[in-house]
Amino acid sequence: MFVTPAFAQAAGGASSAFSSFVPLILIFAIMYFLMIRPQQKKAKQHKAMIDSLRRGDQVVTSGGVLGKVSKVSDDGIVEIEIAEGVKVRVMRATIAQVLNKTEPAVS
């Protein structure tokens, strides 16, 4: 007598529990392919660009400074010549873009 139609409909099974997670799974999949995956790809390209820096490359730092690489150290520091006789030491990770690549020396 006091049983309402809402209680009668709540007697679902495992299928209703799974169907409630389907939108959440779809949202995560869409976010992965639209946001996470492209960001990982961009980070991988940036790392490859940083690893291939050579002396003579013209670069732009993340601060907007243009210069030519004069020395590349193994400890993550790059020396950039921004004007004649003016050299600045910056971290490799702050290199935002390589403008002109130099050709490798033929040995």
N, C-alpha and C. Protein backbone atom coordinates (compact mmCIF):
# COMPACT_ATOMS: atom_id res chain seq x y z
N MET A 1 0.81 -1.17 0.00
CA MET A 1 0.00 0.00 0.00
C MET A 1 0.87 1.26 0.00
N PHE A 2 2.00 1.24 0.74
CA PHE A 2 2.89 2.40 0.79
C PHE A 2 4.05 2.28 -0.18
N VAL A 3 4.04 1.32 -1.07
CA VAL A 3 5.11 1.14 -2.04
C VAL A 3 4.85 2.06 -3.23
N THR A 4 5.81 2.91 -3.52
CA THR A 4 5.64 3.85 -4.62
C THR A 4 6.23 3.27 -5.90
N PRO A 5 5.87 3.77 -7.06
CA PRO A 5 6.43 3.25 -8.32
C PRO A 5 7.94 3.45 -8.41
N ALA A 6 8.51 4.43 -7.72
CA ALA A 6 9.96 4.66 -7.76
C ALA A 6 10.71 3.50 -7.13
N PHE A 7 10.21 2.94 -6.03
CA PHE A 7 10.87 1.79 -5.41
C PHE A 7 10.74 0.56 -6.29
N ALA A 8 9.67 0.44 -6.98
CA ALA A 8 9.46 -0.72 -7.84
C ALA A 8 10.41 -0.67 -9.04
N GLN A 9 10.74 0.49 -9.53
CA GLN A 9 11.63 0.61 -10.68
C GLN A 9 13.10 0.51 -10.29
N ALA A 10 13.45 0.70 -9.05
CA ALA A 10 14.83 0.70 -8.61
C ALA A 10 15.41 -0.70 -8.51
N ALA A 11 14.66 -1.70 -8.79
CA ALA A 11 15.15 -3.06 -8.66
C ALA A 11 15.87 -3.49 -9.93
N GLY A 12 16.77 -2.63 -10.45
CA GLY A 12 17.52 -2.95 -11.66
C GLY A 12 18.59 -3.98 -11.36
N GLY A 13 19.40 -4.30 -12.35
CA GLY A 13 20.44 -5.29 -12.17
C GLY A 13 21.80 -4.70 -12.49
N ALA A 14 22.73 -5.56 -12.88
CA ALA A 14 24.09 -5.14 -13.19
C ALA A 14 24.14 -4.31 -14.46
N SER A 15 23.18 -4.49 -15.33
CA SER A 15 23.19 -3.73 -16.58
C SER A 15 22.97 -2.24 -16.33
N SER A 16 22.17 -1.88 -15.36
CA SER A 16 21.97 -0.46 -15.09
C SER A 16 23.20 0.16 -14.43
N ALA A 17 23.94 -0.61 -13.67
CA ALA A 17 25.17 -0.10 -13.06
C ALA A 17 26.23 0.16 -14.13
N PHE A 18 26.34 -0.74 -15.09
CA PHE A 18 27.31 -0.56 -16.17
C PHE A 18 26.90 0.59 -17.07
N SER A 19 25.64 0.70 -17.35
CA SER A 19 25.19 1.76 -18.26
C SER A 19 25.37 3.15 -17.64
N SER A 20 25.44 3.23 -16.34
CA SER A 20 25.69 4.54 -15.73
C SER A 20 27.16 4.95 -15.85
N PHE A 21 28.07 4.00 -16.07
CA PHE A 21 29.49 4.33 -16.23
C PHE A 21 29.88 4.58 -17.69
N VAL A 22 29.04 4.21 -18.62
CA VAL A 22 29.36 4.38 -20.04
C VAL A 22 29.61 5.84 -20.39
N PRO A 23 28.78 6.80 -19.99
CA PRO A 23 29.09 8.20 -20.32
C PRO A 23 30.41 8.68 -19.72
N LEU A 24 30.72 8.23 -18.52
CA LEU A 24 31.99 8.61 -17.88
C LEU A 24 33.18 8.07 -18.67
N ILE A 25 33.08 6.84 -19.13
CA ILE A 25 34.14 6.23 -19.93
C ILE A 25 34.29 6.96 -21.26
N LEU A 26 33.18 7.32 -21.88
CA LEU A 26 33.23 8.04 -23.15
C LEU A 26 33.85 9.43 -22.98
N ILE A 27 33.53 10.11 -21.91
CA ILE A 27 34.11 11.43 -21.66
C ILE A 27 35.62 11.33 -21.46
N PHE A 28 36.06 10.31 -20.72
CA PHE A 28 37.50 10.13 -20.53
C PHE A 28 38.20 9.82 -21.85
N ALA A 29 37.58 8.98 -22.69
CA ALA A 29 38.19 8.64 -23.98
C ALA A 29 38.29 9.88 -24.87
N ILE A 30 37.27 10.69 -24.89
CA ILE A 30 37.29 11.90 -25.71
C ILE A 30 38.36 12.87 -25.18
N MET A 31 38.46 13.03 -23.87
CA MET A 31 39.47 13.92 -23.28
C MET A 31 40.88 13.41 -23.60
N TYR A 32 41.06 12.10 -23.59
CA TYR A 32 42.38 11.54 -23.88
C TYR A 32 42.79 11.89 -25.31
N PHE A 33 41.89 11.65 -26.27
CA PHE A 33 42.26 11.87 -27.66
C PHE A 33 42.30 13.34 -28.05
N LEU A 34 41.59 14.20 -27.35
CA LEU A 34 41.58 15.62 -27.70
C LEU A 34 42.58 16.45 -26.91
N MET A 35 42.96 16.01 -25.71
CA MET A 35 43.84 16.83 -24.88
C MET A 35 45.13 16.15 -24.47
N ILE A 36 45.06 14.98 -23.91
CA ILE A 36 46.24 14.33 -23.32
C ILE A 36 47.21 13.86 -24.40
N ARG A 37 46.71 13.14 -25.39
CA ARG A 37 47.57 12.58 -26.42
C ARG A 37 48.31 13.65 -27.23
N PRO A 38 47.64 14.72 -27.69
CA PRO A 38 48.40 15.76 -28.42
C PRO A 38 49.45 16.45 -27.55
N GLN A 39 49.17 16.61 -26.27
CA GLN A 39 50.15 17.24 -25.38
C GLN A 39 51.38 16.35 -25.21
N GLN A 40 51.17 15.04 -25.10
CA GLN A 40 52.30 14.12 -25.00
C GLN A 40 53.12 14.13 -26.28
N LYS A 41 52.45 14.20 -27.43
CA LYS A 41 53.15 14.24 -28.71
C LYS A 41 53.98 15.51 -28.83
N LYS A 42 53.42 16.64 -28.41
CA LYS A 42 54.15 17.91 -28.46
C LYS A 42 55.35 17.89 -27.53
N ALA A 43 55.21 17.30 -26.35
CA ALA A 43 56.32 17.21 -25.41
C ALA A 43 57.43 16.32 -25.98
N LYS A 44 57.06 15.25 -26.65
CA LYS A 44 58.05 14.36 -27.24
C LYS A 44 58.82 15.08 -28.36
N GLN A 45 58.13 15.86 -29.19
CA GLN A 45 58.79 16.62 -30.24
C GLN A 45 59.73 17.67 -29.67
N HIS A 46 59.31 18.33 -28.58
CA HIS A 46 60.16 19.34 -27.95
C HIS A 46 61.42 18.71 -27.38
N LYS A 47 61.29 17.55 -26.76
CA LYS A 47 62.46 16.84 -26.21
C LYS A 47 63.42 16.44 -27.32
N ALA A 48 62.89 15.98 -28.45
CA ALA A 48 63.75 15.61 -29.57
C ALA A 48 64.47 16.84 -30.13
N MET A 49 63.78 17.98 -30.17
CA MET A 49 64.39 19.21 -30.66
C MET A 49 65.51 19.65 -29.71
N ILE A 50 65.27 19.56 -28.42
CA ILE A 50 66.27 19.96 -27.42
C ILE A 50 67.49 19.04 -27.48
N ASP A 51 67.25 17.75 -27.66
CA ASP A 51 68.36 16.80 -27.70
C ASP A 51 69.22 16.96 -28.95
N SER A 52 68.65 17.51 -30.02
CA SER A 52 69.41 17.64 -31.26
C SER A 52 70.05 19.02 -31.43
N LEU A 53 70.11 19.82 -30.37
CA LEU A 53 70.76 21.13 -30.47
C LEU A 53 72.25 20.97 -30.75
N ARG A 54 72.75 21.84 -31.64
CA ARG A 54 74.18 21.84 -31.98
C ARG A 54 74.70 23.26 -31.97
N ARG A 55 75.99 23.36 -31.97
CA ARG A 55 76.65 24.67 -32.04
C ARG A 55 76.33 25.29 -33.40
N GLY A 56 75.92 26.55 -33.39
CA GLY A 56 75.61 27.25 -34.62
C GLY A 56 74.12 27.36 -34.91
N ASP A 57 73.28 26.62 -34.20
CA ASP A 57 71.83 26.70 -34.40
C ASP A 57 71.33 28.05 -33.91
N GLN A 58 70.42 28.64 -34.65
CA GLN A 58 69.77 29.87 -34.20
C GLN A 58 68.49 29.47 -33.48
N VAL A 59 68.34 29.98 -32.24
CA VAL A 59 67.23 29.56 -31.39
C VAL A 59 66.49 30.75 -30.81
N VAL A 60 65.28 30.46 -30.31
CA VAL A 60 64.49 31.42 -29.57
C VAL A 60 64.21 30.80 -28.20
N THR A 61 64.49 31.55 -27.14
CA THR A 61 64.19 31.04 -25.80
C THR A 61 62.73 31.31 -25.47
N SER A 62 62.27 30.71 -24.39
CA SER A 62 60.88 30.92 -23.99
C SER A 62 60.65 32.35 -23.53
N GLY A 63 61.70 33.08 -23.21
CA GLY A 63 61.59 34.49 -22.84
C GLY A 63 61.60 35.41 -24.05
N GLY A 64 61.80 34.86 -25.25
CA GLY A 64 61.78 35.65 -26.46
C GLY A 64 63.14 36.14 -26.92
N VAL A 65 64.21 35.65 -26.33
CA VAL A 65 65.56 36.07 -26.70
C VAL A 65 66.03 35.25 -27.90
N LEU A 66 66.47 35.94 -28.94
CA LEU A 66 67.01 35.30 -30.13
C LEU A 66 68.53 35.22 -30.02
N GLY A 67 69.09 34.12 -30.47
CA GLY A 67 70.54 34.00 -30.42
C GLY A 67 71.03 32.77 -31.15
N LYS A 68 72.35 32.64 -31.17
CA LYS A 68 73.00 31.51 -31.83
C LYS A 68 73.71 30.69 -30.76
N VAL A 69 73.52 29.38 -30.82
CA VAL A 69 74.12 28.48 -29.84
C VAL A 69 75.63 28.47 -30.06
N SER A 70 76.38 28.78 -29.00
CA SER A 70 77.83 28.78 -29.11
C SER A 70 78.45 27.61 -28.36
N LYS A 71 77.74 27.04 -27.39
CA LYS A 71 78.27 25.91 -26.63
C LYS A 71 77.11 25.11 -26.06
N VAL A 72 77.20 23.79 -26.18
CA VAL A 72 76.19 22.90 -25.63
C VAL A 72 76.87 22.00 -24.61
N SER A 73 76.41 22.05 -23.37
CA SER A 73 76.98 21.23 -22.30
C SER A 73 76.11 20.01 -22.05
N ASP A 74 76.71 19.00 -21.46
CA ASP A 74 75.96 17.78 -21.12
C ASP A 74 75.11 17.95 -19.87
N ASP A 75 75.37 18.98 -19.09
CA ASP A 75 74.65 19.15 -17.83
C ASP A 75 73.35 19.94 -18.00
N GLY A 76 72.87 20.11 -19.23
CA GLY A 76 71.60 20.77 -19.46
C GLY A 76 71.68 22.27 -19.64
N ILE A 77 72.88 22.79 -19.82
CA ILE A 77 73.05 24.24 -20.00
C ILE A 77 73.56 24.50 -21.41
N VAL A 78 72.98 25.52 -22.04
CA VAL A 78 73.37 25.93 -23.39
C VAL A 78 73.85 27.38 -23.31
N GLU A 79 74.93 27.66 -23.99
CA GLU A 79 75.44 29.03 -24.05
C GLU A 79 75.01 29.63 -25.38
N ILE A 80 74.31 30.76 -25.31
CA ILE A 80 73.77 31.40 -26.50
C ILE A 80 74.41 32.77 -26.68
N GLU A 81 74.85 33.05 -27.89
CA GLU A 81 75.41 34.37 -28.19
C GLU A 81 74.27 35.22 -28.74
N ILE A 82 73.88 36.26 -27.98
CA ILE A 82 72.75 37.09 -28.39
C ILE A 82 73.19 38.34 -29.13
N ALA A 83 74.43 38.72 -28.97
CA ALA A 83 75.04 39.82 -29.72
C ALA A 83 76.53 39.50 -29.82
N GLU A 84 77.23 40.25 -30.61
CA GLU A 84 78.65 39.97 -30.79
C GLU A 84 79.38 40.19 -29.47
N GLY A 85 79.93 39.12 -28.94
CA GLY A 85 80.66 39.18 -27.69
C GLY A 85 79.79 39.07 -26.44
N VAL A 86 78.48 38.94 -26.60
CA VAL A 86 77.57 38.82 -25.45
C VAL A 86 76.99 37.41 -25.44
N LYS A 87 77.37 36.64 -24.43
CA LYS A 87 76.91 35.26 -24.33
C LYS A 87 76.10 35.07 -23.06
N VAL A 88 75.03 34.30 -23.17
CA VAL A 88 74.12 34.04 -22.06
C VAL A 88 74.02 32.53 -21.88
N ARG A 89 74.06 32.09 -20.63
CA ARG A 89 73.87 30.67 -20.34
C ARG A 89 72.43 30.44 -19.93
N VAL A 90 71.76 29.51 -20.60
CA VAL A 90 70.36 29.19 -20.30
C VAL A 90 70.20 27.67 -20.20
N MET A 91 69.14 27.28 -19.54
CA MET A 91 68.83 25.85 -19.45
C MET A 91 68.29 25.38 -20.80
N ARG A 92 68.57 24.12 -21.14
CA ARG A 92 68.10 23.57 -22.40
C ARG A 92 66.58 23.62 -22.53
N ALA A 93 65.89 23.40 -21.42
CA ALA A 93 64.43 23.34 -21.45
C ALA A 93 63.79 24.68 -21.79
N THR A 94 64.55 25.78 -21.66
CA THR A 94 63.98 27.08 -21.97
C THR A 94 64.06 27.42 -23.45
N ILE A 95 64.66 26.56 -24.26
CA ILE A 95 64.69 26.78 -25.70
C ILE A 95 63.30 26.45 -26.23
N ALA A 96 62.65 27.44 -26.84
CA ALA A 96 61.28 27.26 -27.32
C ALA A 96 61.24 26.81 -28.77
N GLN A 97 62.19 27.28 -29.57
CA GLN A 97 62.13 27.00 -31.01
C GLN A 97 63.52 27.09 -31.60
N VAL A 98 63.78 26.26 -32.58
CA VAL A 98 65.02 26.33 -33.35
C VAL A 98 64.67 26.94 -34.70
N LEU A 99 65.27 28.10 -35.01
CA LEU A 99 64.95 28.79 -36.25
C LEU A 99 65.71 28.23 -37.43
N ASN A 100 67.04 28.13 -37.32
CA ASN A 100 67.88 27.63 -38.40
C ASN A 100 68.79 26.54 -37.85
N LYS A 101 68.67 25.36 -38.43
CA LYS A 101 69.55 24.27 -38.05
C LYS A 101 70.83 24.33 -38.88
N THR A 102 71.95 24.02 -38.25
CA THR A 102 73.19 23.92 -38.98
C THR A 102 73.34 22.49 -39.47
N GLU A 103 74.03 22.35 -40.54
CA GLU A 103 74.28 21.01 -41.09
C GLU A 103 75.38 20.35 -40.28
N PRO A 104 75.26 19.04 -40.03
CA PRO A 104 76.31 18.36 -39.28
C PRO A 104 77.62 18.34 -40.07
N ALA A 105 78.70 18.39 -39.33
CA ALA A 105 80.02 18.41 -39.95
C ALA A 105 80.30 17.07 -40.61
N VAL A 106 80.81 17.12 -41.83
CA VAL A 106 81.17 15.90 -42.56
C VAL A 106 82.57 15.49 -42.12
N SER A 107 82.69 14.25 -41.62
CA SER A 107 84.02 13.82 -41.18
C SER A 107 84.62 12.79 -42.08
